[in-house]
Amino acid sequence: MADQKLENYVRAALALQGYDFNPARTADIVTQFERIEALAQVLLDVEPPLEAEPAPVFRP
């Protein structure tokens, strides 16, 4: 079962936006948020070096 805090967050966010999905659809959305959280955690686990600075101009 999904993390209860995350599920509560998703349900509250959907309600605030005016969405009223069936329970199966809401469960799918919670699953997607779990995946997003897992991807974000990978980035948050990396500690940048203290001397790292943002690029002044981004040019692809």
Protein backbone atom coordinates (compact mmCIF):
# COMPACT_ATOMS: atom_id res chain seq x y z
CA MET A 1 0.00 0.00 0.00
CA ALA A 2 1.11 3.54 -0.72
CA ASP A 3 2.67 5.75 1.89
CA GLN A 4 -0.30 7.26 3.75
CA LYS A 5 1.16 10.79 3.82
CA LEU A 6 1.73 10.75 0.07
CA GLU A 7 -1.74 9.37 -0.58
CA ASN A 8 -3.29 12.06 1.63
CA TYR A 9 -1.29 14.70 -0.22
CA VAL A 10 -2.41 13.47 -3.64
CA ARG A 11 -6.06 13.29 -2.56
CA ALA A 12 -5.91 16.81 -1.10
CA ALA A 13 -4.16 18.21 -4.19
CA LEU A 14 -6.73 16.62 -6.50
CA ALA A 15 -9.58 17.99 -4.40
CA LEU A 16 -8.05 21.49 -4.39
CA GLN A 17 -7.82 21.37 -8.19
CA GLY A 18 -11.44 20.23 -8.46
CA TYR A 19 -10.78 16.69 -9.68
CA ASP A 20 -13.04 13.84 -8.61
CA PHE A 21 -11.53 10.60 -9.91
CA ASN A 22 -12.66 7.09 -9.07
CA PRO A 23 -10.53 5.19 -6.49
CA ALA A 24 -8.67 3.17 -9.16
CA ARG A 25 -7.61 6.31 -11.03
CA THR A 26 -6.56 7.99 -7.78
CA ALA A 27 -4.45 4.94 -6.90
CA ASP A 28 -2.73 5.21 -10.31
CA ILE A 29 -1.94 8.86 -9.62
CA VAL A 30 -0.52 7.98 -6.20
CA THR A 31 1.68 5.34 -7.89
CA GLN A 32 2.99 7.96 -10.32
CA PHE A 33 3.80 10.31 -7.44
CA GLU A 34 5.70 7.46 -5.73
CA ARG A 35 7.78 7.06 -8.89
CA ILE A 36 8.41 10.80 -9.11
CA GLU A 37 9.47 10.82 -5.47
CA ALA A 38 11.90 7.94 -6.07
CA LEU A 39 13.49 9.75 -9.03
CA ALA A 40 13.80 12.98 -7.08
CA GLN A 41 15.40 11.16 -4.15
CA VAL A 42 18.22 10.00 -6.41
CA LEU A 43 19.06 13.64 -7.15
CA LEU A 44 18.68 14.73 -3.54
CA ASP A 45 21.08 12.01 -2.39
CA VAL A 46 23.95 13.58 -4.35
CA GLU A 47 25.79 16.25 -2.41
CA PRO A 48 27.34 18.83 -4.76
CA PRO A 49 30.84 19.98 -3.90
CA LEU A 50 31.10 23.27 -1.99
CA GLU A 51 33.01 24.92 -4.83
CA ALA A 52 30.28 24.15 -7.39
CA GLU A 53 28.63 27.28 -8.75
CA PRO A 54 25.71 27.69 -11.12
CA ALA A 55 26.56 28.52 -14.72
CA PRO A 56 26.11 32.24 -15.39
CA VAL A 57 24.56 31.58 -18.84
CA PHE A 58 23.01 28.40 -20.17
CA ARG A 59 23.49 27.82 -23.89
CA PRO A 60 22.52 24.39 -25.17
